[in-house]
Amino acid sequence: MDGTVVPDARRRLPGRGAWLHPDPGCLRDAEKRRAFPRALRVPGPLDVERLRGHLEQLGNQVAGSPRVPHEARKQVDPS
């Protein structure tokens, strides 16, 4: 390991992983608590810039996509 936290959106990379909500606030909290070295069982601080960039890209995709109104759902009577 080179000390860099990388996103694994497909969940295919080998080794130990850690879950994180796709929210920049959760990333900040995890950094403050030093959660990544503990979760990944590695000594010392880790570089999270690639992960930060991935979260920003996800946020931009969500912010840039048009919201599709939910279709009215038809309620079905089970009787």
N, C-alpha and C. Protein backbone atom coordinates (compact mmCIF):
# COMPACT_ATOMS: atom_id res chain seq x y z
N MET A 1 0.86 -1.19 0.00
CA MET A 1 0.00 0.00 0.00
C MET A 1 0.89 1.23 0.00
N ASP A 2 0.53 2.21 -0.82
CA ASP A 2 1.36 3.40 -0.94
C ASP A 2 0.86 4.56 -0.08
N GLY A 3 -0.10 4.32 0.81
CA GLY A 3 -0.60 5.37 1.70
C GLY A 3 -1.69 6.23 1.10
N THR A 4 -2.30 5.76 0.01
CA THR A 4 -3.36 6.51 -0.65
C THR A 4 -4.68 5.74 -0.56
N VAL A 5 -5.73 6.43 -0.15
CA VAL A 5 -7.06 5.83 -0.13
C VAL A 5 -7.68 6.04 -1.51
N VAL A 6 -8.11 4.95 -2.14
CA VAL A 6 -8.70 5.06 -3.47
C VAL A 6 -10.13 4.54 -3.44
N PRO A 7 -11.02 5.18 -4.20
CA PRO A 7 -12.40 4.69 -4.27
C PRO A 7 -12.46 3.38 -5.05
N ASP A 8 -13.31 2.49 -4.61
CA ASP A 8 -13.50 1.21 -5.29
C ASP A 8 -15.00 1.04 -5.55
N ALA A 9 -15.52 1.83 -6.49
CA ALA A 9 -16.95 1.85 -6.76
C ALA A 9 -17.49 0.50 -7.20
N ARG A 10 -16.67 -0.30 -7.88
CA ARG A 10 -17.12 -1.62 -8.34
C ARG A 10 -16.93 -2.69 -7.28
N ARG A 11 -16.27 -2.36 -6.19
CA ARG A 11 -15.98 -3.30 -5.09
C ARG A 11 -15.24 -4.53 -5.57
N ARG A 12 -14.19 -4.29 -6.35
CA ARG A 12 -13.42 -5.40 -6.92
C ARG A 12 -11.94 -5.40 -6.53
N LEU A 13 -11.45 -4.34 -5.90
CA LEU A 13 -10.04 -4.28 -5.56
C LEU A 13 -9.72 -5.27 -4.44
N PRO A 14 -8.54 -5.87 -4.48
CA PRO A 14 -8.18 -6.81 -3.43
C PRO A 14 -7.85 -6.08 -2.12
N GLY A 15 -7.92 -6.80 -1.06
CA GLY A 15 -7.52 -6.25 0.23
C GLY A 15 -8.70 -5.75 1.04
N ARG A 16 -8.36 -5.15 2.13
CA ARG A 16 -9.35 -4.66 3.08
C ARG A 16 -9.94 -3.35 2.59
N GLY A 17 -11.21 -3.14 2.82
CA GLY A 17 -11.88 -1.92 2.40
C GLY A 17 -12.57 -1.25 3.57
N ALA A 18 -13.11 -0.09 3.33
CA ALA A 18 -13.86 0.66 4.34
C ALA A 18 -15.02 1.34 3.64
N TRP A 19 -16.17 1.36 4.29
CA TRP A 19 -17.37 2.00 3.73
C TRP A 19 -17.41 3.46 4.14
N LEU A 20 -17.90 4.29 3.23
CA LEU A 20 -18.06 5.72 3.50
C LEU A 20 -19.28 6.21 2.74
N HIS A 21 -20.14 6.97 3.41
CA HIS A 21 -21.27 7.58 2.72
C HIS A 21 -20.73 8.53 1.65
N PRO A 22 -21.40 8.64 0.51
CA PRO A 22 -20.93 9.55 -0.55
C PRO A 22 -21.25 11.00 -0.20
N ASP A 23 -20.69 11.46 0.90
CA ASP A 23 -20.96 12.79 1.43
C ASP A 23 -19.65 13.40 1.91
N PRO A 24 -19.27 14.58 1.40
CA PRO A 24 -18.02 15.21 1.83
C PRO A 24 -17.96 15.42 3.35
N GLY A 25 -19.09 15.62 3.99
CA GLY A 25 -19.11 15.79 5.45
C GLY A 25 -18.67 14.52 6.16
N CYS A 26 -19.08 13.38 5.64
CA CYS A 26 -18.66 12.10 6.23
C CYS A 26 -17.16 11.91 6.06
N LEU A 27 -16.63 12.32 4.92
CA LEU A 27 -15.18 12.23 4.71
C LEU A 27 -14.44 13.11 5.71
N ARG A 28 -14.91 14.34 5.91
CA ARG A 28 -14.27 15.22 6.89
C ARG A 28 -14.29 14.61 8.29
N ASP A 29 -15.44 14.05 8.66
CA ASP A 29 -15.55 13.43 9.98
C ASP A 29 -14.61 12.24 10.12
N ALA A 30 -14.52 11.43 9.07
CA ALA A 30 -13.63 10.26 9.10
C ALA A 30 -12.17 10.70 9.23
N GLU A 31 -11.80 11.79 8.56
CA GLU A 31 -10.43 12.30 8.67
C GLU A 31 -10.15 12.80 10.09
N LYS A 32 -11.09 13.53 10.67
CA LYS A 32 -10.91 14.05 12.03
C LYS A 32 -10.72 12.92 13.03
N ARG A 33 -11.50 11.85 12.85
CA ARG A 33 -11.45 10.72 13.78
C ARG A 33 -10.31 9.75 13.47
N ARG A 34 -9.59 10.02 12.38
CA ARG A 34 -8.53 9.12 11.91
C ARG A 34 -9.08 7.71 11.70
N ALA A 35 -10.25 7.65 11.07
CA ALA A 35 -10.95 6.38 10.90
C ALA A 35 -10.32 5.49 9.84
N PHE A 36 -9.73 6.05 8.80
CA PHE A 36 -9.20 5.22 7.72
C PHE A 36 -8.03 4.34 8.16
N PRO A 37 -7.03 4.87 8.84
CA PRO A 37 -5.95 3.96 9.29
C PRO A 37 -6.47 2.85 10.21
N ARG A 38 -7.43 3.17 11.05
CA ARG A 38 -7.99 2.13 11.93
C ARG A 38 -8.76 1.09 11.13
N ALA A 39 -9.64 1.55 10.23
CA ALA A 39 -10.47 0.63 9.46
C ALA A 39 -9.63 -0.24 8.52
N LEU A 40 -8.60 0.34 7.96
CA LEU A 40 -7.77 -0.38 7.00
C LEU A 40 -6.58 -1.08 7.66
N ARG A 41 -6.45 -0.87 8.97
CA ARG A 41 -5.39 -1.50 9.77
C ARG A 41 -4.00 -1.21 9.22
N VAL A 42 -3.73 0.08 9.02
CA VAL A 42 -2.42 0.52 8.57
C VAL A 42 -1.93 1.62 9.51
N PRO A 43 -0.63 1.73 9.70
CA PRO A 43 -0.10 2.79 10.57
C PRO A 43 -0.03 4.13 9.83
N GLY A 44 -0.16 5.19 10.57
CA GLY A 44 0.06 6.52 10.03
C GLY A 44 -1.08 7.10 9.23
N PRO A 45 -0.94 8.37 8.86
CA PRO A 45 -1.98 9.05 8.08
C PRO A 45 -2.02 8.54 6.65
N LEU A 46 -3.17 8.71 6.02
CA LEU A 46 -3.36 8.29 4.63
C LEU A 46 -3.79 9.48 3.78
N ASP A 47 -3.40 9.47 2.53
CA ASP A 47 -3.77 10.51 1.58
C ASP A 47 -5.16 10.20 1.02
N VAL A 48 -6.11 11.13 1.19
CA VAL A 48 -7.49 10.90 0.76
C VAL A 48 -7.90 11.80 -0.42
N GLU A 49 -6.94 12.42 -1.09
CA GLU A 49 -7.27 13.36 -2.17
C GLU A 49 -8.00 12.68 -3.34
N ARG A 50 -7.60 11.47 -3.71
CA ARG A 50 -8.31 10.78 -4.80
C ARG A 50 -9.76 10.50 -4.40
N LEU A 51 -9.95 10.12 -3.14
CA LEU A 51 -11.30 9.86 -2.64
C LEU A 51 -12.10 11.16 -2.61
N ARG A 52 -11.49 12.24 -2.17
CA ARG A 52 -12.16 13.54 -2.15
C ARG A 52 -12.60 13.95 -3.56
N GLY A 53 -11.72 13.77 -4.54
CA GLY A 53 -12.05 14.07 -5.92
C GLY A 53 -13.20 13.22 -6.44
N HIS A 54 -13.20 11.95 -6.06
CA HIS A 54 -14.28 11.04 -6.47
C HIS A 54 -15.61 11.51 -5.89
N LEU A 55 -15.62 11.90 -4.62
CA LEU A 55 -16.86 12.38 -4.00
C LEU A 55 -17.34 13.68 -4.64
N GLU A 56 -16.41 14.56 -4.98
CA GLU A 56 -16.79 15.80 -5.66
C GLU A 56 -17.40 15.50 -7.02
N GLN A 57 -16.81 14.54 -7.73
CA GLN A 57 -17.33 14.17 -9.04
C GLN A 57 -18.74 13.58 -8.90
N LEU A 58 -18.94 12.74 -7.91
CA LEU A 58 -20.28 12.18 -7.67
C LEU A 58 -21.28 13.29 -7.37
N GLY A 59 -20.86 14.26 -6.55
CA GLY A 59 -21.74 15.37 -6.21
C GLY A 59 -22.09 16.20 -7.42
N ASN A 60 -21.12 16.41 -8.31
CA ASN A 60 -21.38 17.18 -9.52
C ASN A 60 -22.32 16.43 -10.45
N GLN A 61 -22.19 15.11 -10.52
CA GLN A 61 -23.09 14.33 -11.37
C GLN A 61 -24.52 14.42 -10.86
N VAL A 62 -24.68 14.31 -9.56
CA VAL A 62 -26.02 14.38 -8.97
C VAL A 62 -26.59 15.79 -9.13
N ALA A 63 -25.76 16.80 -8.89
CA ALA A 63 -26.22 18.19 -9.00
C ALA A 63 -26.56 18.55 -10.44
N GLY A 64 -25.86 17.96 -11.40
CA GLY A 64 -26.08 18.30 -12.79
C GLY A 64 -27.18 17.52 -13.46
N SER A 65 -27.64 16.47 -12.83
CA SER A 65 -28.68 15.66 -13.48
C SER A 65 -30.06 16.23 -13.19
N PRO A 66 -30.92 16.22 -14.19
CA PRO A 66 -32.27 16.74 -13.96
C PRO A 66 -33.06 15.81 -13.05
N ARG A 67 -33.85 16.38 -12.21
CA ARG A 67 -34.67 15.58 -11.30
C ARG A 67 -35.92 15.12 -12.05
N VAL A 68 -36.15 13.84 -11.99
CA VAL A 68 -37.32 13.26 -12.64
C VAL A 68 -38.40 13.14 -11.58
N PRO A 69 -39.55 13.76 -11.81
CA PRO A 69 -40.60 13.63 -10.80
C PRO A 69 -41.05 12.19 -10.68
N HIS A 70 -41.34 11.79 -9.46
CA HIS A 70 -41.80 10.42 -9.23
C HIS A 70 -43.17 10.24 -9.87
N GLU A 71 -43.33 9.11 -10.51
CA GLU A 71 -44.63 8.80 -11.09
C GLU A 71 -45.60 8.51 -9.96
N ALA A 72 -46.84 8.87 -10.18
CA ALA A 72 -47.86 8.54 -9.19
C ALA A 72 -47.98 7.03 -9.13
N ARG A 73 -47.90 6.50 -7.94
CA ARG A 73 -48.00 5.04 -7.78
C ARG A 73 -49.42 4.64 -7.60
N LYS A 74 -49.77 3.59 -8.25
CA LYS A 74 -51.12 3.07 -8.16
C LYS A 74 -51.18 2.12 -6.95
N GLN A 75 -52.10 2.38 -6.09
CA GLN A 75 -52.26 1.52 -4.94
C GLN A 75 -53.11 0.32 -5.33
N VAL A 76 -52.68 -0.85 -4.92
CA VAL A 76 -53.38 -2.08 -5.27
C VAL A 76 -54.07 -2.62 -4.04
N ASP A 77 -55.32 -2.96 -4.22
CA ASP A 77 -56.11 -3.56 -3.13
C ASP A 77 -55.85 -5.06 -3.11
N PRO A 78 -55.31 -5.59 -2.00
CA PRO A 78 -54.97 -7.01 -1.95
C PRO A 78 -56.17 -7.95 -1.90
N SER A 79 -57.39 -7.45 -1.73
CA SER A 79 -58.55 -8.36 -1.61
C SER A 79 -59.08 -8.80 -2.95
